[in-house]
Amino acid sequence: MKQFLVIYFFGLLAFVSLMGFRGCKFRQPPLEIFPDMDRQAKFKPQAANDFYADNRDDRPAVAGTVPHITDFEEHYQHRAPDTRFREDDYLATGKMPNGEFGDGIPVELTQDNMDRGQELFNIYCIACHGEVGNGKGVVAAERYGFATIQSLLQTRIMEQPDGEIFNTITHGKNTMYPYGSKIRVEDRWKVVMYVRALQRASASTLDDVPPEYREDL
């Protein structure tokens, strides 16, 4: 058995040397065991294709497609970056002239604005922070490695100035993604407004509810 293994080893070494370390060029294609997706069955841009009625590989955009970078971005202002504010504007930064975060939400407190804040919170924040802001969203529940997900109801965050929460939404923090390029300036303040509502609700008692609404609870 030992003699067979020795012969097998040297035979394999000779085969690899002859087939793998060739010092000359060949016109024939090399022996291909793994094609590595070198040749794919795909449609190429600007190519003809008799599969479709218009004989083109290129297909028109699916109905309802929102363009990312086109000449028609003015129709999708919610995706465009804000350029209406100076860097020292409290509305755009959440900071006072002395560089400290300020308190106060520079957006009118209305039901529509609160609803908009809730809508955006449910889109961008709920997966991590949870529906009520307790940090127990689906990402935290499944433990996808995000150990830094915070509860928005903890005292430390409840005591933060409004401008600091706005800044966190804009620029992100720790493993939190920045949403300055995703959410418009006024809408970010509406999210802050809704976060404050969640915090207020978490610390409320029945006495805080107007009498006419207590029966609905």
Protein backbone atom coordinates (compact mmCIF):
# COMPACT_ATOMS: atom_id res chain seq x y z
CA MET A 1 0.00 0.00 0.00
CA LYS A 2 2.83 2.37 0.88
CA GLN A 3 4.54 1.72 -2.45
CA PHE A 4 1.27 2.45 -4.29
CA LEU A 5 0.87 5.79 -2.52
CA VAL A 6 4.42 6.81 -3.43
CA ILE A 7 3.86 5.92 -7.09
CA TYR A 8 0.46 7.68 -7.06
CA PHE A 9 1.97 10.83 -5.56
CA PHE A 10 4.79 11.10 -8.09
CA GLY A 11 2.43 10.27 -10.94
CA LEU A 12 0.06 13.04 -9.85
CA LEU A 13 2.98 15.45 -9.48
CA ALA A 14 4.15 14.66 -13.00
CA PHE A 15 0.65 15.12 -14.40
CA VAL A 16 0.21 18.51 -12.73
CA SER A 17 3.65 19.60 -13.90
CA LEU A 18 2.91 18.68 -17.50
CA MET A 19 -0.60 20.09 -17.61
CA GLY A 20 -0.40 23.01 -15.23
CA PHE A 21 3.05 24.54 -15.68
CA ARG A 22 3.23 24.87 -19.42
CA GLY A 23 5.88 27.33 -20.50
CA CYS A 24 4.61 27.88 -24.03
CA LYS A 25 1.51 29.43 -25.54
CA PHE A 26 -1.26 27.47 -27.21
CA ARG A 27 -3.77 28.55 -29.80
CA GLN A 28 -6.40 26.18 -28.46
CA PRO A 29 -8.53 27.25 -25.48
CA PRO A 30 -7.38 25.81 -22.16
CA LEU A 31 -9.09 22.94 -20.47
CA GLU A 32 -11.99 24.54 -18.63
CA ILE A 33 -13.47 22.75 -15.66
CA PHE A 34 -15.17 25.69 -13.94
CA PRO A 35 -16.44 28.31 -16.42
CA ASP A 36 -16.79 30.94 -13.63
CA MET A 37 -19.71 32.59 -15.46
CA ASP A 38 -17.42 33.65 -18.33
CA ARG A 39 -20.26 33.09 -20.76
CA GLN A 40 -23.73 34.03 -19.59
CA ALA A 41 -27.12 33.77 -21.21
CA LYS A 42 -28.02 37.45 -20.96
CA PHE A 43 -29.37 40.32 -23.02
CA LYS A 44 -26.82 42.96 -23.98
CA PRO A 45 -27.53 46.72 -24.25
CA GLN A 46 -28.53 47.98 -27.69
CA ALA A 47 -28.60 44.44 -29.11
CA ALA A 48 -31.27 42.94 -31.34
CA ASN A 49 -33.65 40.38 -29.93
CA ASP A 50 -36.41 38.66 -31.85
CA PHE A 51 -38.02 37.45 -28.62
CA TYR A 52 -39.78 40.80 -28.17
CA ALA A 53 -42.15 42.44 -30.60
CA ASP A 54 -39.93 45.53 -30.96
CA ASN A 55 -36.84 43.33 -31.60
CA ARG A 56 -34.79 45.06 -28.89
CA ASP A 57 -32.92 43.78 -25.85
CA ASP A 58 -33.53 47.06 -24.03
CA ARG A 59 -36.84 47.10 -22.20
CA PRO A 60 -38.87 50.14 -21.11
CA ALA A 61 -39.11 50.90 -17.39
CA VAL A 62 -41.79 49.05 -15.45
CA ALA A 63 -44.88 51.13 -14.71
CA GLY A 64 -44.46 53.01 -11.44
CA THR A 65 -40.66 53.03 -11.55
CA VAL A 66 -39.17 56.06 -9.75
CA PRO A 67 -36.05 57.42 -11.48
CA HIS A 68 -32.92 57.76 -9.35
CA ILE A 69 -30.83 60.16 -11.44
CA THR A 70 -32.59 61.68 -14.43
CA ASP A 71 -33.63 65.02 -15.87
CA PHE A 72 -37.01 64.58 -14.20
CA GLU A 73 -35.86 64.74 -10.57
CA GLU A 74 -37.92 67.88 -10.04
CA HIS A 75 -40.98 65.61 -10.04
CA TYR A 76 -39.51 63.62 -7.13
CA GLN A 77 -38.42 66.34 -4.73
CA HIS A 78 -38.68 64.04 -1.73
CA ARG A 79 -35.59 62.21 -3.02
CA ALA A 80 -33.52 65.30 -3.81
CA PRO A 81 -31.06 66.80 -1.28
CA ASP A 82 -32.04 70.05 0.42
CA THR A 83 -30.09 73.10 -0.72
CA ARG A 84 -32.46 75.72 0.66
CA PHE A 85 -30.68 76.34 3.96
CA ARG A 86 -27.40 77.72 5.22
CA GLU A 87 -25.20 75.55 7.42
CA ASP A 88 -25.88 77.83 10.39
CA ASP A 89 -29.68 77.56 10.17
CA TYR A 90 -31.25 75.96 13.25
CA LEU A 91 -33.92 74.43 11.03
CA ALA A 92 -31.28 72.63 8.96
CA THR A 93 -28.82 71.69 11.72
CA GLY A 94 -30.57 71.66 15.08
CA LYS A 95 -27.73 73.80 16.48
CA MET A 96 -27.74 77.26 18.00
CA PRO A 97 -25.28 80.01 16.92
CA ASN A 98 -22.93 78.94 19.75
CA GLY A 99 -22.74 75.42 18.30
CA GLU A 100 -24.82 73.75 21.00
CA PHE A 101 -27.93 71.72 20.25
CA GLY A 102 -31.11 73.68 20.73
CA ASP A 103 -34.52 72.84 22.13
CA GLY A 104 -37.68 73.46 20.20
CA ILE A 105 -39.17 72.00 17.03
CA PRO A 106 -39.30 74.64 14.26
CA VAL A 107 -42.25 72.95 12.55
CA GLU A 108 -45.86 73.70 13.40
CA LEU A 109 -47.46 71.15 15.70
CA THR A 110 -50.45 69.89 13.73
CA GLN A 111 -52.15 66.53 13.33
CA ASP A 112 -51.00 66.33 9.71
CA ASN A 113 -47.38 66.92 10.70
CA MET A 114 -47.65 64.37 13.50
CA ASP A 115 -49.13 61.83 11.08
CA ARG A 116 -46.30 62.51 8.64
CA GLY A 117 -43.76 61.97 11.40
CA GLN A 118 -45.41 58.67 12.29
CA GLU A 119 -45.42 57.61 8.65
CA LEU A 120 -41.70 58.26 8.26
CA PHE A 121 -40.91 56.67 11.62
CA ASN A 122 -42.70 53.52 10.49
CA ILE A 123 -40.71 53.52 7.26
CA TYR A 124 -37.20 54.24 8.51
CA CYS A 125 -37.09 53.68 12.27
CA ILE A 126 -39.51 50.97 13.31
CA ALA A 127 -37.34 48.05 12.15
CA CYS A 128 -34.73 48.81 14.81
CA HIS A 129 -36.41 51.00 17.42
CA GLY A 130 -39.76 49.22 17.44
CA GLU A 131 -43.30 50.49 17.03
CA VAL A 132 -43.32 52.30 20.38
CA GLY A 133 -39.64 53.31 20.32
CA ASN A 134 -38.50 50.81 22.96
CA GLY A 135 -35.60 49.47 20.85
CA LYS A 136 -37.27 46.09 20.31
CA GLY A 137 -37.85 46.16 16.57
CA VAL A 138 -37.48 43.12 14.35
CA VAL A 139 -33.75 43.77 13.84
CA ALA A 140 -33.13 43.79 17.57
CA ALA A 141 -35.41 40.81 18.15
CA GLU A 142 -33.57 38.67 15.62
CA ARG A 143 -30.18 39.84 16.93
CA TYR A 144 -28.55 40.59 13.61
CA GLY A 145 -25.41 41.81 15.33
CA PHE A 146 -26.75 45.30 16.12
CA ALA A 147 -26.03 45.44 19.84
CA THR A 148 -26.12 49.24 19.85
CA ILE A 149 -29.84 49.66 19.09
CA GLN A 150 -31.18 52.09 21.66
CA SER A 151 -34.56 52.53 23.27
CA LEU A 152 -35.84 56.02 22.57
CA LEU A 153 -37.73 55.87 25.86
CA GLN A 154 -34.68 55.82 28.13
CA THR A 155 -34.04 58.87 30.27
CA ARG A 156 -30.77 59.76 28.55
CA ILE A 157 -32.45 60.20 25.16
CA MET A 158 -35.60 61.77 26.59
CA GLU A 159 -33.39 64.47 28.13
CA GLN A 160 -31.55 65.19 24.89
CA PRO A 161 -32.39 68.51 23.20
CA ASP A 162 -34.63 68.33 20.15
CA GLY A 163 -31.72 69.48 18.01
CA GLU A 164 -29.56 66.55 19.10
CA ILE A 165 -32.21 64.03 18.09
CA PHE A 166 -32.56 65.86 14.77
CA ASN A 167 -28.77 65.67 14.35
CA THR A 168 -28.79 61.93 15.02
CA ILE A 169 -31.46 61.41 12.37
CA THR A 170 -29.45 63.51 9.93
CA HIS A 171 -25.97 62.10 10.48
CA GLY A 172 -26.58 58.76 12.17
CA LYS A 173 -24.84 57.45 15.27
CA ASN A 174 -22.93 54.25 16.06
CA THR A 175 -24.52 51.61 13.81
CA MET A 176 -27.48 53.83 12.91
CA TYR A 177 -27.59 54.87 9.26
CA PRO A 178 -27.72 58.63 8.47
CA TYR A 179 -31.00 59.70 6.93
CA GLY A 180 -30.07 63.24 5.92
CA SER A 181 -30.06 62.21 2.27
CA LYS A 182 -33.30 60.23 2.60
CA ILE A 183 -35.63 62.49 4.59
CA ARG A 184 -36.26 66.15 3.89
CA VAL A 185 -35.38 68.74 6.54
CA GLU A 186 -38.92 69.57 7.67
CA ASP A 187 -39.84 65.89 7.65
CA ARG A 188 -36.92 65.09 9.96
CA TRP A 189 -38.37 67.54 12.47
CA LYS A 190 -41.72 65.80 12.11
CA VAL A 191 -40.00 62.54 13.06
CA VAL A 192 -38.56 64.31 16.12
CA MET A 193 -42.08 65.49 16.90
CA TYR A 194 -43.40 61.93 16.75
CA VAL A 195 -40.51 60.59 18.84
CA ARG A 196 -41.37 63.15 21.51
CA ALA A 197 -44.98 61.96 21.37
CA LEU A 198 -43.85 58.35 21.93
CA GLN A 199 -41.70 59.44 24.86
CA ARG A 200 -44.54 61.45 26.35
CA ALA A 201 -46.93 58.53 25.96
CA SER A 202 -44.53 56.12 27.67
CA ALA A 203 -44.42 58.31 30.77
CA SER A 204 -48.13 59.16 30.84
CA THR A 205 -50.85 58.08 33.21
CA LEU A 206 -54.60 57.92 32.81
CA ASP A 207 -54.84 61.38 34.35
CA ASP A 208 -53.00 62.79 31.32
CA VAL A 209 -55.74 61.58 28.97
CA PRO A 210 -58.60 64.04 28.38
CA PRO A 211 -61.82 62.72 29.95
CA GLU A 212 -63.64 62.51 26.61
CA TYR A 213 -61.02 60.04 25.31
CA ARG A 214 -60.61 57.80 28.35
CA GLU A 215 -63.47 55.50 27.36
CA ASP A 216 -61.64 54.67 24.13
CA LEU A 217 -58.69 53.19 26.01
